[in-house]
């Protein structure tokens, strides 16, 4: 078959990034560059791997943008201000694991169960005696 009459170009061994094969609308140009390769998309810098790694940040940004569009600029600004205030170093008892439940509530993570909730991690150990801890501090 004559190559000039082909609708889709023959597959080439070179892999192009998704950004370099997009048209003016931001879509992959199949007629010019051939079918999309998942291998090239996974290996590219802005591909699937980056989307998965930045999923939480992207979803949070989307929620803040939707709040701004619905309620105005003050809503996401207030939420970000509250997060900053709560995430500052708050003192905790020496016998308890440091936890920031306030930030979890503001971020919407209070209703999720993650690996950290099930497996306590290396800082989970035997319970300390609160009186001994205060005696150590008083003796110093």
Protein backbone atom coordinates (compact mmCIF):
# COMPACT_ATOMS: atom_id res chain seq x y z
CA UNK A 1 0.00 0.00 0.00
CA UNK A 2 1.22 3.44 -0.85
CA UNK A 3 2.35 5.25 2.36
CA UNK A 4 0.74 8.50 1.25
CA UNK A 5 -2.70 6.85 1.23
CA UNK A 6 -2.53 5.54 4.79
CA UNK A 7 -5.00 7.02 7.27
CA UNK A 8 -2.91 6.16 10.30
CA UNK A 9 0.86 6.26 9.90
CA UNK A 10 2.83 3.08 10.34
CA UNK A 11 3.97 2.43 13.87
CA UNK A 12 7.43 3.69 14.54
CA UNK A 13 9.90 2.41 17.07
CA UNK A 14 10.43 5.85 18.58
CA UNK A 15 8.28 6.91 21.49
CA UNK A 16 7.15 10.49 21.84
CA UNK A 17 5.87 12.08 24.98
CA UNK A 18 2.18 12.87 25.26
CA UNK A 19 2.91 16.61 25.48
CA UNK A 20 4.79 16.60 22.16
CA UNK A 21 1.98 14.79 20.32
CA UNK A 22 -0.92 16.99 21.39
CA UNK A 23 -2.83 19.27 19.07
CA UNK A 24 -4.15 22.75 19.84
CA UNK A 25 -7.04 21.32 21.89
CA UNK A 26 -4.73 19.31 24.14
CA UNK A 27 -5.68 15.93 22.66
CA UNK A 28 -3.35 13.29 21.23
CA UNK A 29 -3.16 13.64 17.44
CA UNK A 30 -3.65 10.05 16.31
CA UNK A 31 -3.64 10.80 12.59
CA UNK A 32 -0.25 12.46 12.70
CA UNK A 33 1.54 10.47 15.44
CA UNK A 34 -0.23 7.11 15.43
CA UNK A 35 -2.10 5.39 18.23
CA UNK A 36 -1.27 6.32 21.79
CA UNK A 37 1.27 4.16 23.54
CA UNK A 38 0.67 3.42 27.20
CA UNK A 39 4.36 2.66 27.55
CA UNK A 40 5.26 6.18 26.42
CA UNK A 41 2.63 7.68 28.71
CA UNK A 42 3.87 5.80 31.77
CA UNK A 43 7.52 6.66 31.05
CA UNK A 44 6.86 10.33 30.32
CA UNK A 45 7.37 12.88 33.09
CA UNK A 46 3.78 14.11 33.17
CA UNK A 47 2.26 10.68 32.73
CA UNK A 48 0.30 8.23 34.76
CA UNK A 49 2.90 7.83 37.50
CA UNK A 50 2.90 11.54 38.33
CA UNK A 51 -0.89 11.61 38.34
CA UNK A 52 -1.06 8.81 40.88
CA UNK A 53 1.67 10.31 43.09
CA UNK A 54 0.00 13.75 43.10
CA UNK A 55 -3.58 12.48 43.34
CA UNK A 56 -4.35 13.88 46.80
CA UNK A 57 -2.91 17.31 46.00
CA UNK A 58 -4.83 17.47 42.71
CA UNK A 59 -8.11 16.49 44.39
CA UNK A 60 -7.56 19.07 47.14
CA UNK A 61 -6.83 21.74 44.54
CA UNK A 62 -9.99 20.78 42.63
CA UNK A 63 -12.11 21.05 45.80
CA UNK A 64 -10.65 24.46 46.64
CA UNK A 65 -11.30 25.68 43.09
CA UNK A 66 -14.90 24.47 43.24
CA UNK A 67 -15.39 26.24 46.58
CA UNK A 68 -13.97 29.43 45.09
CA UNK A 69 -16.34 29.22 42.11
CA UNK A 70 -19.41 28.53 44.26
CA UNK A 71 -18.84 30.60 47.42
CA UNK A 72 -16.25 33.17 46.37
CA UNK A 73 -12.61 33.74 47.09
CA UNK A 74 -13.01 33.94 50.86
CA UNK A 75 -14.00 30.26 51.30
CA UNK A 76 -10.76 28.59 50.15
CA UNK A 77 -8.70 31.35 51.75
CA UNK A 78 -10.38 30.71 55.10
CA UNK A 79 -9.92 26.96 54.78
CA UNK A 80 -6.22 27.33 53.95
CA UNK A 81 -5.78 29.77 56.85
CA UNK A 82 -7.42 27.30 59.26
CA UNK A 83 -5.18 24.49 57.99
CA UNK A 84 -2.08 26.62 58.51
CA UNK A 85 -3.08 27.55 62.05
CA UNK A 86 -3.87 23.95 62.99
CA UNK A 87 -0.77 22.45 61.36
CA UNK A 88 1.58 24.61 63.41
CA UNK A 89 3.46 22.70 66.09
CA UNK A 90 1.01 22.02 68.89
CA UNK A 91 2.37 20.56 72.14
CA UNK A 92 1.24 17.09 73.12
CA UNK A 93 1.67 14.89 76.16
CA UNK A 94 4.95 12.97 76.18
CA UNK A 95 3.19 9.63 76.56
CA UNK A 96 0.91 10.04 73.55
CA UNK A 97 1.74 9.73 69.89
CA UNK A 98 1.70 13.07 68.09
CA UNK A 99 -1.56 13.33 66.19
CA UNK A 100 -3.20 16.20 64.37
CA UNK A 101 -6.86 15.26 64.32
CA UNK A 102 -7.80 18.89 63.70
CA UNK A 103 -5.94 18.93 60.38
CA UNK A 104 -7.41 15.54 59.46
CA UNK A 105 -10.91 16.94 59.98
CA UNK A 106 -10.22 20.05 57.92
CA UNK A 107 -8.69 17.96 55.10
CA UNK A 108 -11.57 15.46 55.17
CA UNK A 109 -9.32 12.56 56.16
CA UNK A 110 -11.16 11.86 59.43
CA UNK A 111 -13.54 9.44 57.71
CA UNK A 112 -10.83 7.47 55.88
CA UNK A 113 -9.02 4.41 57.16
CA UNK A 114 -5.41 4.20 56.05
CA UNK A 115 -2.49 1.91 56.84
CA UNK A 116 -1.39 4.24 59.64
CA UNK A 117 -4.70 3.71 61.39
CA UNK A 118 -4.45 -0.07 61.32
CA UNK A 119 -0.71 -0.56 61.73
CA UNK A 120 0.45 1.85 64.39
CA UNK A 121 4.05 1.88 63.16
CA UNK A 122 7.41 1.93 64.92
CA UNK A 123 6.44 4.56 67.48
CA UNK A 124 3.79 2.32 69.01
CA UNK A 125 5.26 0.65 72.03
CA UNK A 126 4.45 -0.06 75.63
CA UNK A 127 2.52 2.64 77.44
CA UNK A 128 4.68 5.02 79.44
CA UNK A 129 4.10 5.94 83.03
CA UNK A 130 3.10 9.59 83.06
CA UNK A 131 4.33 10.17 86.60
CA UNK A 132 7.82 8.85 85.79
CA UNK A 133 8.04 11.12 82.75
CA UNK A 134 7.21 14.19 84.82
CA UNK A 135 9.66 13.13 87.55
CA UNK A 136 12.42 12.87 84.94
CA UNK A 137 11.65 16.37 83.70
CA UNK A 138 11.50 17.79 87.24
CA UNK A 139 14.84 16.22 88.20
CA UNK A 140 16.66 17.84 85.26
